[in-house]
Amino acid sequence: MSTRTKALIFLLTATFIWGVSSPINRYALNSINPWPFSAFRYLFGSVALLPLVLRWGRRQAPAQYFFHHVGRLIWLKAGLALGLLLALGTGLQMVGLSVTTASKSGFITSLYVSMVAIFGFVLGQLPRWQVWLGLSLCLLGLIVIGGQGQANGFNWGDSLTLVADLVWATHMMVMGYFAVRVNPWRLVASQSAVCSLLCLLMALMTDTMCSWEEFWHSLPAIAWGVCSVSLAYVCQALAQINTPTTTTAITLQFQPVLGATCGVLFLDEPLTLSLILGAILLVSGALTAQKAKDPVKLTRDHPRYRFLLVARVAAAVLVVTVCGLSLLLTRPGG
C-alpha cells in the first residue's frame, strides 16, 4: 500500500468521525452551554491519549531523522499554538451552532477548504492545476448540497461559523508545519489539553459553567469527543506528514455528505437528487486533487512573480473583508 493511499485512509477516517459529529453536538447544545461542553470534550480526548503518549510518545517524529534543529520541547510549542487556535475555532463554531442549524453549520464549515488553498497561495505556495480543478468541483458539490432548502437566510450563527473557518484554515496550516516535527500522539494530546483548559477558563469567565445534571445529560456527546477530538486529529496529523495541506483540506470536504447520509439512515430524512449529485461532485473533486504533485514555491525567479504577488494580497484582503462584512451585517440588533 502506497504512502498516499495510507494518508487517504487516515483522512477518510477523520472525515467520517467529524461528519457525524455535527448532529451529535447540535443535540448536546440543547442542554449544555458551548464552553463547558467543549472543555469536557477535549479533556476526555486528552486523557484518552495519555496511555498512547506514555507508550509511543518518545518515538521520533519524521523530521527528526532529517533535521537536527528540531527542539526537544517543540511539542509544547505546537500544543500551545494549536490549542489556542482549536479553542478559538471551537468556541466560534459551537456558539454559531447554538444559533444556526447543524446542516447549515456543516455546509459553511466545509468552506474552509477554499481558505486553506488561499492561505497557501498567500504564503507563497501555488497549488497545481489538479488542486484548483478539484477545489472547484468540491465547492460546486457543496453549493448543490446546500441548496436543499436549508438556506433560510444568513444569520449571526452562520457568520460566526464563517469566521471560524478562518481559524480552522490557520489551524490546518500550522498542523501541517508541526506534523513532521512532533510525535502525533504528543501533538494531539497537548493541543487537546490546552484547548480544554482555555475553554474551561472561558466558561468560568462568562459564568456559563454547567450543572451536574447538564453534564450527565450531555455525557454521551461528550464521550464522543474521544473519537472526534483524539482519534480524528491523530489521523489528520498522520496524513499531513505525506500529504499537502490543500489536498488534505479538499479530502475533508466529505463531512457534509456524511452528515447528510447519517440523516438519511438514522433520521429518516429524504435521499434527494441534490445530495446524490453533490456527493458525486465531491468524490470527483477529492480524487482529482489527490493526483496533484506538491505545490510550486513562488520565488522572485518565477516569471509571473509580481502579478502573483498582487493576486496574493488581493486574495487575503478579499477573505478578511467577506468575513468582516458578514459579522457586521448579521450582528444581533444590526
Protein backbone atom coordinates (compact mmCIF):
# COMPACT_ATOMS: atom_id res chain seq x y z
CA MET A 1 0.00 0.00 0.00
CA SER A 2 1.45 3.35 -1.05
CA THR A 3 2.04 6.26 1.30
CA ARG A 4 -0.60 8.37 -0.44
CA THR A 5 -3.16 5.56 -0.09
CA LYS A 6 -2.48 5.25 3.64
CA ALA A 7 -2.82 9.02 4.02
CA LEU A 8 -6.14 8.92 2.15
CA ILE A 9 -7.44 6.20 4.51
CA PHE A 10 -6.45 8.31 7.54
CA LEU A 11 -8.19 11.35 6.08
CA LEU A 12 -11.37 9.43 5.26
CA THR A 13 -11.44 8.07 8.82
CA ALA A 14 -11.17 11.59 10.25
CA THR A 15 -13.78 12.84 7.79
CA PHE A 16 -16.24 10.12 8.81
CA ILE A 17 -15.82 10.93 12.52
CA TRP A 18 -16.25 14.67 12.00
CA GLY A 19 -19.10 14.15 9.54
CA VAL A 20 -21.32 12.52 12.17
CA SER A 21 -20.22 14.88 14.95
CA SER A 22 -22.24 17.92 13.89
CA PRO A 23 -25.70 16.38 14.59
CA ILE A 24 -24.41 14.94 17.89
CA ASN A 25 -23.00 18.30 19.00
CA ARG A 26 -26.14 20.15 17.93
CA TYR A 27 -28.27 17.81 20.05
CA ALA A 28 -25.99 18.24 23.08
CA LEU A 29 -26.07 22.03 22.88
CA ASN A 30 -29.79 21.93 23.65
CA SER A 31 -28.92 21.11 27.26
CA ILE A 32 -25.40 22.47 27.88
CA ASN A 33 -23.53 25.70 27.09
CA PRO A 34 -20.84 25.66 24.35
CA TRP A 35 -17.79 26.46 26.51
CA PRO A 36 -18.15 23.75 29.18
CA PHE A 37 -19.22 21.27 26.51
CA SER A 38 -16.05 21.96 24.53
CA ALA A 39 -13.90 21.89 27.66
CA PHE A 40 -15.09 18.43 28.71
CA ARG A 41 -14.88 17.05 25.16
CA TYR A 42 -11.23 18.00 24.80
CA LEU A 43 -10.47 16.90 28.35
CA PHE A 44 -11.83 13.43 27.60
CA GLY A 45 -9.88 13.32 24.34
CA SER A 46 -6.63 14.36 26.00
CA VAL A 47 -6.97 11.83 28.85
CA ALA A 48 -7.79 9.06 26.36
CA LEU A 49 -4.47 9.69 24.60
CA LEU A 50 -2.34 9.54 27.76
CA PRO A 51 -1.67 5.77 27.57
CA LEU A 52 -0.56 6.14 23.94
CA VAL A 53 1.63 9.12 24.81
CA LEU A 54 3.32 7.13 27.57
CA ARG A 55 3.75 4.12 25.27
CA TRP A 56 4.79 5.74 21.98
CA GLY A 57 5.26 9.41 22.86
CA ARG A 58 9.06 9.18 22.88
CA ARG A 59 9.33 7.93 19.33
CA GLN A 60 10.97 10.35 16.95
CA ALA A 61 8.88 12.40 14.58
CA PRO A 62 9.67 12.02 10.85
CA ALA A 63 11.56 15.31 10.58
CA GLN A 64 13.94 14.34 13.38
CA TYR A 65 15.52 11.81 11.07
CA PHE A 66 16.46 14.60 8.66
CA PHE A 67 16.55 17.92 10.55
CA HIS A 68 18.83 18.39 13.53
CA HIS A 69 17.26 21.69 14.57
CA VAL A 70 14.06 20.08 15.90
CA GLY A 71 13.93 21.00 19.59
CA ARG A 72 13.01 18.66 22.42
CA LEU A 73 10.17 20.86 23.66
CA ILE A 74 8.76 21.70 20.25
CA TRP A 75 5.71 19.54 21.11
CA LEU A 76 4.90 22.05 23.87
CA LYS A 77 5.10 24.99 21.45
CA ALA A 78 2.93 23.07 19.00
CA GLY A 79 0.39 22.28 21.71
CA LEU A 80 0.13 25.90 22.80
CA ALA A 81 -0.25 27.24 19.25
CA LEU A 82 -2.68 24.57 18.05
CA GLY A 83 -4.61 24.51 21.33
CA LEU A 84 -5.20 28.26 21.15
CA LEU A 85 -6.45 28.03 17.57
CA LEU A 86 -8.55 25.00 18.42
CA ALA A 87 -10.20 26.73 21.37
CA LEU A 88 -10.97 29.83 19.32
CA GLY A 89 -12.33 27.88 16.35
CA THR A 90 -14.35 25.50 18.54
CA GLY A 91 -15.81 28.36 20.56
CA LEU A 92 -16.90 30.26 17.46
CA GLN A 93 -18.33 27.13 15.85
CA MET A 94 -20.20 25.98 18.96
CA VAL A 95 -21.71 29.41 19.61
CA GLY A 96 -22.70 29.59 15.96
CA LEU A 97 -24.11 26.07 16.08
CA SER A 98 -26.33 27.05 19.01
CA VAL A 99 -27.94 29.66 16.73
CA THR A 100 -27.98 28.06 13.29
CA THR A 101 -28.85 24.52 12.14
CA ALA A 102 -26.49 21.53 12.06
CA SER A 103 -26.82 21.16 8.28
CA LYS A 104 -26.01 24.81 7.60
CA SER A 105 -23.12 24.70 10.07
CA GLY A 106 -21.64 21.66 8.34
CA PHE A 107 -22.00 23.27 4.93
CA ILE A 108 -20.40 26.57 5.95
CA THR A 109 -17.62 24.86 7.91
CA SER A 110 -16.65 22.88 4.82
CA LEU A 111 -15.91 26.14 3.01
CA TYR A 112 -12.68 26.44 4.98
CA VAL A 113 -11.03 24.26 2.33
CA SER A 114 -11.07 27.22 -0.06
CA MET A 115 -9.48 29.34 2.66
CA VAL A 116 -6.72 26.75 3.07
CA ALA A 117 -5.97 27.00 -0.64
CA ILE A 118 -5.99 30.80 -0.46
CA PHE A 119 -3.79 30.81 2.66
CA GLY A 120 -1.28 28.54 0.95
CA PHE A 121 -1.30 30.82 -2.08
CA VAL A 122 -0.84 33.93 0.10
CA LEU A 123 2.11 32.28 1.85
CA GLY A 124 3.83 31.60 -1.47
CA GLN A 125 2.69 28.10 -2.43
CA LEU A 126 0.99 27.84 -5.82
CA PRO A 127 -1.15 24.66 -5.98
CA ARG A 128 -1.11 22.52 -9.11
CA TRP A 129 -3.96 22.75 -11.61
CA GLN A 130 -5.41 19.45 -10.34
CA VAL A 131 -5.93 21.06 -6.94
CA TRP A 132 -7.77 24.06 -8.39
CA LEU A 133 -9.93 21.75 -10.51
CA GLY A 134 -10.66 19.52 -7.54
CA LEU A 135 -11.43 22.54 -5.39
CA SER A 136 -13.88 23.87 -7.99
CA LEU A 137 -15.67 20.52 -8.16
CA CYS A 138 -15.88 20.31 -4.36
CA LEU A 139 -17.25 23.83 -3.98
CA LEU A 140 -19.81 23.16 -6.71
CA GLY A 141 -20.84 19.98 -4.89
CA LEU A 142 -21.24 21.89 -1.63
CA ILE A 143 -23.38 24.50 -3.35
CA VAL A 144 -25.61 21.76 -4.78
CA ILE A 145 -25.97 20.08 -1.37
CA GLY A 146 -26.51 23.41 0.38
CA GLY A 147 -29.34 24.28 -1.98
CA GLN A 148 -31.75 21.73 -0.48
CA GLY A 149 -33.95 24.38 1.07
CA GLN A 150 -31.57 24.83 4.00
CA ALA A 151 -30.57 28.44 3.49
CA ASN A 152 -33.31 30.27 5.41
CA GLY A 153 -31.23 33.43 5.39
CA PHE A 154 -27.71 34.13 6.59
CA ASN A 155 -27.79 34.79 10.33
CA TRP A 156 -25.37 35.65 13.15
CA GLY A 157 -24.59 31.98 13.80
CA ASP A 158 -23.65 31.50 10.15
CA SER A 159 -21.30 34.50 10.32
CA LEU A 160 -19.57 33.12 13.41
CA THR A 161 -19.16 29.78 11.65
CA LEU A 162 -17.66 31.57 8.64
CA VAL A 163 -15.14 33.36 10.85
CA ALA A 164 -14.37 30.02 12.48
CA ASP A 165 -13.38 28.81 9.00
CA LEU A 166 -10.52 31.30 9.07
CA VAL A 167 -9.33 29.76 12.32
CA TRP A 168 -9.72 26.18 11.02
CA ALA A 169 -7.74 27.05 7.90
CA THR A 170 -4.96 28.55 10.03
CA HIS A 171 -5.05 25.51 12.32
CA MET A 172 -4.62 23.17 9.36
CA MET A 173 -1.67 25.19 8.03
CA VAL A 174 0.02 25.13 11.45
CA MET A 175 -0.79 21.43 11.86
CA GLY A 176 0.91 20.74 8.54
CA TYR A 177 4.04 22.51 9.79
CA PHE A 178 4.24 20.59 13.08
CA ALA A 179 3.02 17.20 11.77
CA VAL A 180 6.50 16.19 10.57
CA ARG A 181 8.28 17.67 13.58
CA VAL A 182 6.26 16.36 16.53
CA ASN A 183 5.16 12.88 17.54
CA PRO A 184 1.44 12.71 16.59
CA TRP A 185 0.35 11.36 19.99
CA ARG A 186 2.06 14.21 21.84
CA LEU A 187 0.87 16.72 19.28
CA VAL A 188 -2.84 15.91 19.59
CA ALA A 189 -2.75 15.28 23.36
CA SER A 190 -1.04 18.61 24.05
CA GLN A 191 -3.36 20.64 21.80
CA SER A 192 -6.42 18.98 23.36
CA ALA A 193 -5.19 19.69 26.90
CA VAL A 194 -4.51 23.35 26.10
CA CYS A 195 -7.86 23.73 24.34
CA SER A 196 -9.70 22.13 27.27
CA LEU A 197 -8.04 24.50 29.74
CA LEU A 198 -8.84 27.58 27.65
CA CYS A 199 -12.48 26.54 27.16
CA LEU A 200 -12.80 25.91 30.90
CA LEU A 201 -11.43 29.38 31.64
CA MET A 202 -13.91 30.91 29.18
CA ALA A 203 -16.77 29.02 30.85
CA LEU A 204 -15.73 30.39 34.24
CA MET A 205 -15.19 33.94 32.93
CA THR A 206 -18.56 34.04 31.17
CA ASP A 207 -20.34 32.34 34.09
CA THR A 208 -21.71 29.60 31.82
CA MET A 209 -20.36 26.57 33.70
CA CYS A 210 -22.79 23.68 33.53
CA SER A 211 -24.51 21.89 36.42
CA TRP A 212 -24.10 18.21 37.21
CA GLU A 213 -27.48 17.49 35.64
CA GLU A 214 -26.48 19.18 32.39
CA PHE A 215 -23.15 17.34 32.42
CA TRP A 216 -24.70 13.88 32.86
CA HIS A 217 -27.38 14.58 30.27
CA SER A 218 -24.70 15.53 27.72
CA LEU A 219 -22.23 12.80 28.73
CA PRO A 220 -22.79 10.58 25.62
CA ALA A 221 -22.00 13.50 23.31
CA ILE A 222 -19.04 14.50 25.48
CA ALA A 223 -17.71 10.93 25.40
CA TRP A 224 -17.87 11.05 21.59
CA GLY A 225 -15.05 13.56 21.92
CA VAL A 226 -12.69 10.63 22.46
CA CYS A 227 -13.18 9.93 18.75
CA SER A 228 -13.77 13.42 17.34
CA VAL A 229 -11.00 15.06 19.38
CA SER A 230 -8.30 12.42 19.78
CA LEU A 231 -8.64 9.76 17.08
CA ALA A 232 -9.68 12.10 14.27
CA TYR A 233 -6.88 14.62 14.88
CA VAL A 234 -4.29 11.84 15.15
CA CYS A 235 -5.46 10.58 11.75
CA GLN A 236 -5.18 14.11 10.34
CA ALA A 237 -1.66 14.56 11.77
CA LEU A 238 -0.51 11.21 10.34
CA ALA A 239 -2.00 12.05 6.95
CA GLN A 240 -0.43 15.52 6.77
CA ILE A 241 3.05 14.03 7.11
CA ASN A 242 2.90 12.95 3.46
CA THR A 243 0.00 15.00 2.05
CA PRO A 244 -0.03 18.69 1.04
CA THR A 245 -2.26 20.83 3.25
CA THR A 246 -4.61 21.89 0.45
CA THR A 247 -5.11 18.30 -0.71
CA THR A 248 -5.84 17.31 2.89
CA ALA A 249 -8.48 20.00 3.20
CA ILE A 250 -10.18 19.00 -0.05
CA THR A 251 -10.43 15.39 1.08
CA LEU A 252 -12.06 16.54 4.32
CA GLN A 253 -14.84 18.09 2.21
CA PHE A 254 -16.79 14.84 2.56
CA GLN A 255 -18.01 15.90 6.01
CA PRO A 256 -21.37 17.41 4.92
CA VAL A 257 -22.07 14.39 2.70
CA LEU A 258 -21.53 12.01 5.61
CA GLY A 259 -23.66 14.20 7.86
CA ALA A 260 -26.48 14.19 5.34
CA THR A 261 -26.07 10.42 4.85
CA CYS A 262 -26.45 9.87 8.59
CA GLY A 263 -29.64 11.90 8.42
CA VAL A 264 -30.96 9.64 5.66
CA LEU A 265 -30.03 6.43 7.51
CA PHE A 266 -30.93 7.32 11.09
CA LEU A 267 -33.28 10.32 10.97
CA ASP A 268 -35.48 9.22 8.04
CA GLU A 269 -34.53 12.30 6.00
CA PRO A 270 -35.21 12.02 2.24
CA LEU A 271 -32.48 10.96 -0.18
CA THR A 272 -32.63 13.78 -2.72
CA LEU A 273 -31.14 14.17 -6.16
CA SER A 274 -29.18 17.20 -4.88
CA LEU A 275 -27.48 15.04 -2.26
CA ILE A 276 -26.54 12.36 -4.79
CA LEU A 277 -25.23 14.87 -7.35
CA GLY A 278 -23.33 16.83 -4.70
CA ALA A 279 -21.72 13.66 -3.37
CA ILE A 280 -20.58 12.69 -6.88
CA LEU A 281 -19.01 16.13 -7.38
CA LEU A 282 -17.25 15.97 -4.00
CA VAL A 283 -15.84 12.50 -4.66
CA SER A 284 -14.65 13.58 -8.11
CA GLY A 285 -13.02 16.70 -6.72
CA ALA A 286 -11.23 14.87 -3.92
CA LEU A 287 -9.90 12.16 -6.25
CA THR A 288 -8.72 14.79 -8.73
CA ALA A 289 -6.84 16.72 -6.03
CA GLN A 290 -5.21 13.51 -4.75
CA LYS A 291 -3.40 13.14 -8.09
CA ALA A 292 -1.68 16.52 -7.80
CA LYS A 293 2.01 16.87 -7.07
CA ASP A 294 3.39 19.11 -4.32
CA PRO A 295 2.67 22.86 -4.77
CA VAL A 296 5.13 25.15 -6.52
CA LYS A 297 7.01 27.54 -4.22
CA LEU A 298 6.77 31.10 -5.52
CA THR A 299 10.12 32.86 -5.68
CA ARG A 300 11.35 36.02 -7.36
CA ASP A 301 12.61 33.89 -10.23
CA HIS A 302 9.05 32.97 -11.17
CA PRO A 303 8.10 34.65 -14.49
CA ARG A 304 4.81 35.97 -13.06
CA TYR A 305 6.07 36.77 -9.58
CA ARG A 306 4.87 40.43 -9.49
CA PHE A 307 1.41 39.59 -10.81
CA LEU A 308 1.03 36.71 -8.36
CA LEU A 309 2.22 38.92 -5.51
CA VAL A 310 -0.61 41.37 -6.19
CA ALA A 311 -3.05 38.47 -6.51
CA ARG A 312 -1.90 37.05 -3.16
CA VAL A 313 -2.51 40.35 -1.38
CA ALA A 314 -5.89 40.76 -3.07
CA ALA A 315 -6.92 37.22 -2.05
CA ALA A 316 -6.04 37.87 1.60
CA VAL A 317 -7.93 41.17 1.67
CA LEU A 318 -10.97 39.59 0.00
CA VAL A 319 -11.28 36.77 2.56
CA VAL A 320 -10.93 39.09 5.56
CA THR A 321 -13.38 41.61 4.05
CA VAL A 322 -16.07 38.98 3.37
CA CYS A 323 -15.86 37.62 6.93
CA GLY A 324 -15.86 41.11 8.44
CA LEU A 325 -18.88 42.26 6.42
CA SER A 326 -20.83 39.11 7.30
CA LEU A 327 -20.30 39.80 11.01
CA LEU A 328 -21.21 43.45 10.61
CA LEU A 329 -24.38 42.86 8.62
CA THR A 330 -25.76 39.97 10.70
CA ARG A 331 -24.81 41.06 14.23
CA PRO A 332 -27.68 40.97 16.76
CA GLY A 333 -29.53 44.27 16.67
CA GLY A 334 -27.73 45.29 13.49
